[in-house]
Amino acid sequence: MAQTINSPEILKAGAYSHAVISNGLVFLSGQTGNTAGMKSSFNEQFQGAMEKISNILKLSESSLDSVVKCNVYLANSSDFQKMNELYAKYFTKSPPARTTIVTGFPSPEVLVEIDVVAELSKQKTTASSQWPFS
């Protein structure tokens, strides 16, 4: 049975879960690093998205070291090299498989969105039954 994960510290912009755990994997919804109404750089948004991802993975009893697949969505192809440099700082050991797509976003403030799939720790196939799980 799938479990949903929601961080009370991260706002959601719709009807979705921050993550779903199923069959020993954690599937995260896309995370952006922007703050509504505030202008921020690509680097700030990338780092903000990765902080959110790390937080959600921790709640799921996983980590960035357990990520097996990553999708990165860029607003501008000119940010590809910056993304590669930042990405390498977060995935230093065995980088996960990755797809990078240049796309548009509903909000022109958003420069990057990232989603990941990670494994749970080897001892677990589901996260603990305590909140924030459902």
Protein backbone atom coordinates (compact mmCIF):
# COMPACT_ATOMS: atom_id res chain seq x y z
CA MET A 1 0.00 0.00 0.00
CA ALA A 2 1.35 3.42 -0.92
CA GLN A 3 2.07 6.02 1.77
CA THR A 4 1.91 9.76 1.20
CA ILE A 5 4.40 12.22 2.68
CA ASN A 6 3.75 15.93 3.21
CA SER A 7 6.09 18.38 4.89
CA PRO A 8 4.32 21.03 6.97
CA GLU A 9 7.26 23.34 6.22
CA ILE A 10 6.80 23.31 2.45
CA LEU A 11 3.84 25.04 0.82
CA LYS A 12 1.93 23.22 -1.91
CA ALA A 13 0.34 24.88 -4.93
CA GLY A 14 -2.31 22.26 -5.58
CA ALA A 15 -3.85 18.92 -4.73
CA TYR A 16 -0.86 16.56 -4.60
CA SER A 17 1.46 14.91 -2.10
CA HIS A 18 5.07 15.98 -1.65
CA ALA A 19 6.02 12.32 -1.98
CA VAL A 20 4.57 8.84 -2.25
CA ILE A 21 6.30 5.70 -0.99
CA SER A 22 5.57 2.47 -2.85
CA ASN A 23 7.48 -0.81 -3.18
CA GLY A 24 10.62 0.48 -1.47
CA LEU A 25 10.86 3.66 -3.56
CA VAL A 26 10.10 7.30 -2.77
CA PHE A 27 8.58 9.32 -5.64
CA LEU A 28 8.84 13.09 -5.07
CA SER A 29 6.67 15.71 -6.71
CA GLY A 30 8.51 18.48 -8.50
CA GLN A 31 10.00 21.11 -6.21
CA THR A 32 10.84 24.69 -7.09
CA GLY A 33 13.11 26.97 -5.14
CA ASN A 34 11.47 30.29 -5.78
CA THR A 35 9.47 32.36 -3.32
CA ALA A 36 6.29 33.86 -4.77
CA GLY A 37 6.63 37.57 -5.45
CA MET A 38 10.40 37.59 -4.92
CA LYS A 39 13.02 37.63 -7.66
CA SER A 40 15.79 35.09 -7.14
CA SER A 41 18.70 33.83 -9.20
CA PHE A 42 18.91 30.44 -10.88
CA ASN A 43 21.50 29.32 -8.32
CA GLU A 44 19.25 30.34 -5.41
CA GLN A 45 16.26 28.54 -6.92
CA PHE A 46 18.25 25.38 -7.65
CA GLN A 47 19.63 25.29 -4.11
CA GLY A 48 16.18 26.00 -2.66
CA ALA A 49 14.63 23.15 -4.64
CA MET A 50 17.37 20.77 -3.52
CA GLU A 51 16.88 21.80 0.13
CA LYS A 52 13.17 20.99 -0.17
CA ILE A 53 13.96 17.66 -1.82
CA SER A 54 16.45 16.80 0.92
CA ASN A 55 13.86 17.70 3.59
CA ILE A 56 11.17 15.53 1.99
CA LEU A 57 13.59 12.62 1.54
CA LYS A 58 14.55 12.87 5.21
CA LEU A 59 10.88 12.74 6.21
CA SER A 60 10.60 9.68 3.98
CA GLU A 61 13.58 8.07 5.72
CA SER A 62 15.75 8.35 2.61
CA SER A 63 18.42 10.79 1.39
CA LEU A 64 20.05 12.36 -1.65
CA ASP A 65 22.56 9.47 -1.60
CA SER A 66 19.67 7.10 -2.35
CA VAL A 67 18.34 8.99 -5.40
CA VAL A 68 18.23 6.75 -8.49
CA LYS A 69 16.44 9.08 -10.97
CA CYS A 70 16.24 12.84 -11.28
CA ASN A 71 14.26 15.05 -13.66
CA VAL A 72 15.32 18.68 -14.01
CA TYR A 73 13.06 21.18 -15.77
CA LEU A 74 14.68 24.45 -16.88
CA ALA A 75 12.95 27.64 -18.00
CA ASN A 76 16.01 28.66 -20.03
CA SER A 77 18.49 26.50 -21.93
CA SER A 78 21.16 29.07 -21.05
CA ASP A 79 21.05 27.75 -17.44
CA PHE A 80 22.10 24.23 -18.46
CA GLN A 81 25.80 24.66 -17.61
CA LYS A 82 25.00 26.28 -14.24
CA MET A 83 22.62 23.42 -13.51
CA ASN A 84 25.32 20.85 -14.30
CA GLU A 85 27.78 22.55 -11.95
CA LEU A 86 25.27 22.79 -9.09
CA TYR A 87 23.96 19.27 -9.69
CA ALA A 88 27.48 17.83 -9.35
CA LYS A 89 27.76 19.38 -5.85
CA TYR A 90 24.68 17.51 -4.62
CA PHE A 91 25.37 14.15 -6.30
CA THR A 92 29.07 13.57 -5.68
CA LYS A 93 29.29 9.76 -5.41
CA SER A 94 27.30 7.87 -8.02
CA PRO A 95 25.12 10.41 -9.81
CA PRO A 96 21.59 9.15 -10.50
CA ALA A 97 20.12 8.81 -13.96
CA ARG A 98 18.90 12.21 -15.10
CA THR A 99 16.66 13.80 -17.69
CA THR A 100 16.86 17.55 -18.32
CA ILE A 101 14.04 19.31 -20.14
CA VAL A 102 13.69 22.94 -21.18
CA THR A 103 10.07 23.97 -20.70
CA GLY A 104 7.77 26.80 -19.71
CA PHE A 105 6.23 27.29 -16.27
CA PRO A 106 2.88 28.83 -15.29
CA SER A 107 4.79 31.42 -13.25
CA PRO A 108 7.50 33.43 -15.03
CA GLU A 109 9.35 33.63 -11.68
CA VAL A 110 10.14 29.90 -11.76
CA LEU A 111 13.50 29.09 -13.35
CA VAL A 112 13.90 25.44 -12.33
CA GLU A 113 11.86 22.52 -10.99
CA ILE A 114 13.30 19.18 -9.87
CA ASP A 115 11.74 15.83 -9.04
CA VAL A 116 13.45 12.63 -7.93
CA VAL A 117 12.90 8.95 -7.24
CA ALA A 118 14.91 7.46 -4.37
CA GLU A 119 15.28 4.12 -2.66
CA LEU A 120 14.33 3.67 0.97
CA SER A 121 17.06 2.41 3.26
CA LYS A 122 17.83 -1.28 2.77
CA GLN A 123 16.13 -2.19 6.06
CA LYS A 124 12.87 -0.49 5.18
CA THR A 125 10.23 -1.03 2.56
CA THR A 126 7.87 1.57 4.03
CA ALA A 127 8.45 4.64 6.15
CA SER A 128 7.50 4.71 9.83
CA SER A 129 3.83 4.96 10.64
CA GLN A 130 4.17 8.22 12.57
CA TRP A 131 3.02 11.56 11.19
CA PRO A 132 3.61 13.08 8.55
CA PHE A 133 2.75 9.78 6.89
CA SER A 134 -0.72 8.76 5.85
